[in-house]
Every structure is written in C-alpha cells, then in structure tokens.
Amino acid sequence: MPKEYLRSLCDEIVHAPKPIRVLRAINWDPHVHERFFKAGARELPRPEYPALGFSLKDKRREAQRPDPQ
C-alpha cells in the first residue's frame, strides 16, 4: 500500500468520531443511570436513544470505498 494512502486512512480514523459523537449518542440519561444503580445494578436498562443525525447506510458506503492501487 502506498504510504500516502495509509496516511489518509489514519487521518480519516482520527477525524471520524468527531462528527458522530458516539459516546454522547449512547450515554444513558441521568434518570436511567440513577434507577439502574438504585435497583442494585443487576439488570441492564433498555433506554431509548435519540436519532444519531446521520445515515448508517451512508457511513457504511464511506467505509467500503475501494482501495486505490
């Protein structure tokens, strides 16, 4: 693989999480967190998460782009 291609992939990986904000998207609401621990943390809650704000299909398509050779 050309060095430039590897560098561009590394740059994409480093910058990818910024617009997605994964941790914020999957973080429990404070009330869910509180109920979980008050109940003894025996069973995971099933919170509803807000929409991510991007298309999973589009992100998959971006990740599967052809390898330039």
C-alpha atoms as a PDB file:
ATOM      1  CA  MET A   1       0.000   0.000   0.000  1.00  0.00           C
ATOM      2  CA  PRO A   2       1.286   3.455  -0.769  1.00  0.00           C
ATOM      3  CA  LYS A   3       2.365   5.462   2.247  1.00  0.00           C
ATOM      4  CA  GLU A   4       0.034   8.337   1.281  1.00  0.00           C
ATOM      5  CA  TYR A   5      -2.988   6.019   1.242  1.00  0.00           C
ATOM      6  CA  LEU A   6      -2.183   4.695   4.720  1.00  0.00           C
ATOM      7  CA  ARG A   7      -1.741   8.248   5.959  1.00  0.00           C
ATOM      8  CA  SER A   8      -5.134   9.279   4.567  1.00  0.00           C
ATOM      9  CA  LEU A   9      -6.809   6.268   6.243  1.00  0.00           C
ATOM     10  CA  CYS A  10      -5.204   7.164   9.569  1.00  0.00           C
ATOM     11  CA  ASP A  11      -6.416  10.739   9.204  1.00  0.00           C
ATOM     12  CA  GLU A  12      -9.958   9.536   8.492  1.00  0.00           C
ATOM     13  CA  ILE A  13      -9.960   7.276  11.544  1.00  0.00           C
ATOM     14  CA  VAL A  14      -8.740  10.085  13.786  1.00  0.00           C
ATOM     15  CA  HIS A  15     -11.345  12.534  12.483  1.00  0.00           C
ATOM     16  CA  ALA A  16     -14.276  10.121  12.117  1.00  0.00           C
ATOM     17  CA  PRO A  17     -15.553  10.138  15.732  1.00  0.00           C
ATOM     18  CA  LYS A  18     -15.709  13.912  15.974  1.00  0.00           C
ATOM     19  CA  PRO A  19     -18.873  14.496  13.937  1.00  0.00           C
ATOM     20  CA  ILE A  20     -20.503  11.273  15.103  1.00  0.00           C
ATOM     21  CA  ARG A  21     -20.083  11.858  18.856  1.00  0.00           C
ATOM     22  CA  VAL A  22     -20.554   8.190  19.684  1.00  0.00           C
ATOM     23  CA  LEU A  23     -20.238   8.418  23.444  1.00  0.00           C
ATOM     24  CA  ARG A  24     -22.844  11.153  23.716  1.00  0.00           C
ATOM     25  CA  ALA A  25     -25.177   9.173  21.484  1.00  0.00           C
ATOM     26  CA  ILE A  26     -25.110   6.057  23.669  1.00  0.00           C
ATOM     27  CA  ASN A  27     -24.795   7.677  27.093  1.00  0.00           C
ATOM     28  CA  TRP A  28     -27.638   6.898  29.470  1.00  0.00           C
ATOM     29  CA  ASP A  29     -29.931   9.674  30.587  1.00  0.00           C
ATOM     30  CA  PRO A  30     -29.135  10.593  34.227  1.00  0.00           C
ATOM     31  CA  HIS A  31     -32.504   9.193  35.361  1.00  0.00           C
ATOM     32  CA  VAL A  32     -31.772   5.833  33.712  1.00  0.00           C
ATOM     33  CA  HIS A  33     -28.352   5.765  35.357  1.00  0.00           C
ATOM     34  CA  GLU A  34     -29.823   6.567  38.777  1.00  0.00           C
ATOM     35  CA  ARG A  35     -32.584   3.918  38.539  1.00  0.00           C
ATOM     36  CA  PHE A  36     -30.064   1.302  37.388  1.00  0.00           C
ATOM     37  CA  PHE A  37     -27.831   1.752  40.418  1.00  0.00           C
ATOM     38  CA  LYS A  38     -30.713   2.174  42.883  1.00  0.00           C
ATOM     39  CA  ALA A  39     -32.004  -1.220  41.701  1.00  0.00           C
ATOM     40  CA  GLY A  40     -28.660  -2.820  42.565  1.00  0.00           C
ATOM     41  CA  ALA A  41     -27.229  -2.801  39.010  1.00  0.00           C
ATOM     42  CA  ARG A  42     -28.494  -6.353  38.439  1.00  0.00           C
ATOM     43  CA  GLU A  43     -30.219  -5.903  35.084  1.00  0.00           C
ATOM     44  CA  LEU A  44     -29.232  -3.537  32.291  1.00  0.00           C
ATOM     45  CA  PRO A  45     -31.834  -0.914  31.433  1.00  0.00           C
ATOM     46  CA  ARG A  46     -33.326  -0.630  27.961  1.00  0.00           C
ATOM     47  CA  PRO A  47     -33.217   3.114  27.333  1.00  0.00           C
ATOM     48  CA  GLU A  48     -34.400   4.709  24.118  1.00  0.00           C
ATOM     49  CA  TYR A  49     -31.722   6.639  22.320  1.00  0.00           C
ATOM     50  CA  PRO A  50     -32.229   9.727  20.139  1.00  0.00           C
ATOM     51  CA  ALA A  51     -31.593   9.593  16.399  1.00  0.00           C
ATOM     52  CA  LEU A  52     -27.895   9.756  15.504  1.00  0.00           C
ATOM     53  CA  GLY A  53     -28.253  12.506  12.926  1.00  0.00           C
ATOM     54  CA  PHE A  54     -26.635  10.593  10.063  1.00  0.00           C
ATOM     55  CA  SER A  55     -27.478   7.695   7.791  1.00  0.00           C
ATOM     56  CA  LEU A  56     -25.925   4.351   8.698  1.00  0.00           C
ATOM     57  CA  LYS A  57     -26.125   3.331   5.029  1.00  0.00           C
ATOM     58  CA  ASP A  58     -24.096   6.398   4.020  1.00  0.00           C
ATOM     59  CA  LYS A  59     -21.461   5.714   6.681  1.00  0.00           C
ATOM     60  CA  ARG A  60     -21.172   2.067   5.588  1.00  0.00           C
ATOM     61  CA  ARG A  61     -20.771   3.163   1.978  1.00  0.00           C
ATOM     62  CA  GLU A  62     -17.985   5.579   3.001  1.00  0.00           C
ATOM     63  CA  ALA A  63     -16.205   2.820   4.921  1.00  0.00           C
ATOM     64  CA  GLN A  64     -16.381   0.408   1.993  1.00  0.00           C
ATOM     65  CA  ARG A  65     -14.796   2.669  -0.586  1.00  0.00           C
ATOM     66  CA  PRO A  66     -12.482   0.853  -2.972  1.00  0.00           C
ATOM     67  CA  ASP A  67      -8.798   0.503  -2.193  1.00  0.00           C
ATOM     68  CA  PRO A  68      -6.790   2.688  -4.643  1.00  0.00           C
ATOM     69  CA  GLN A  69      -3.925   0.753  -6.200  1.00  0.00           C
END
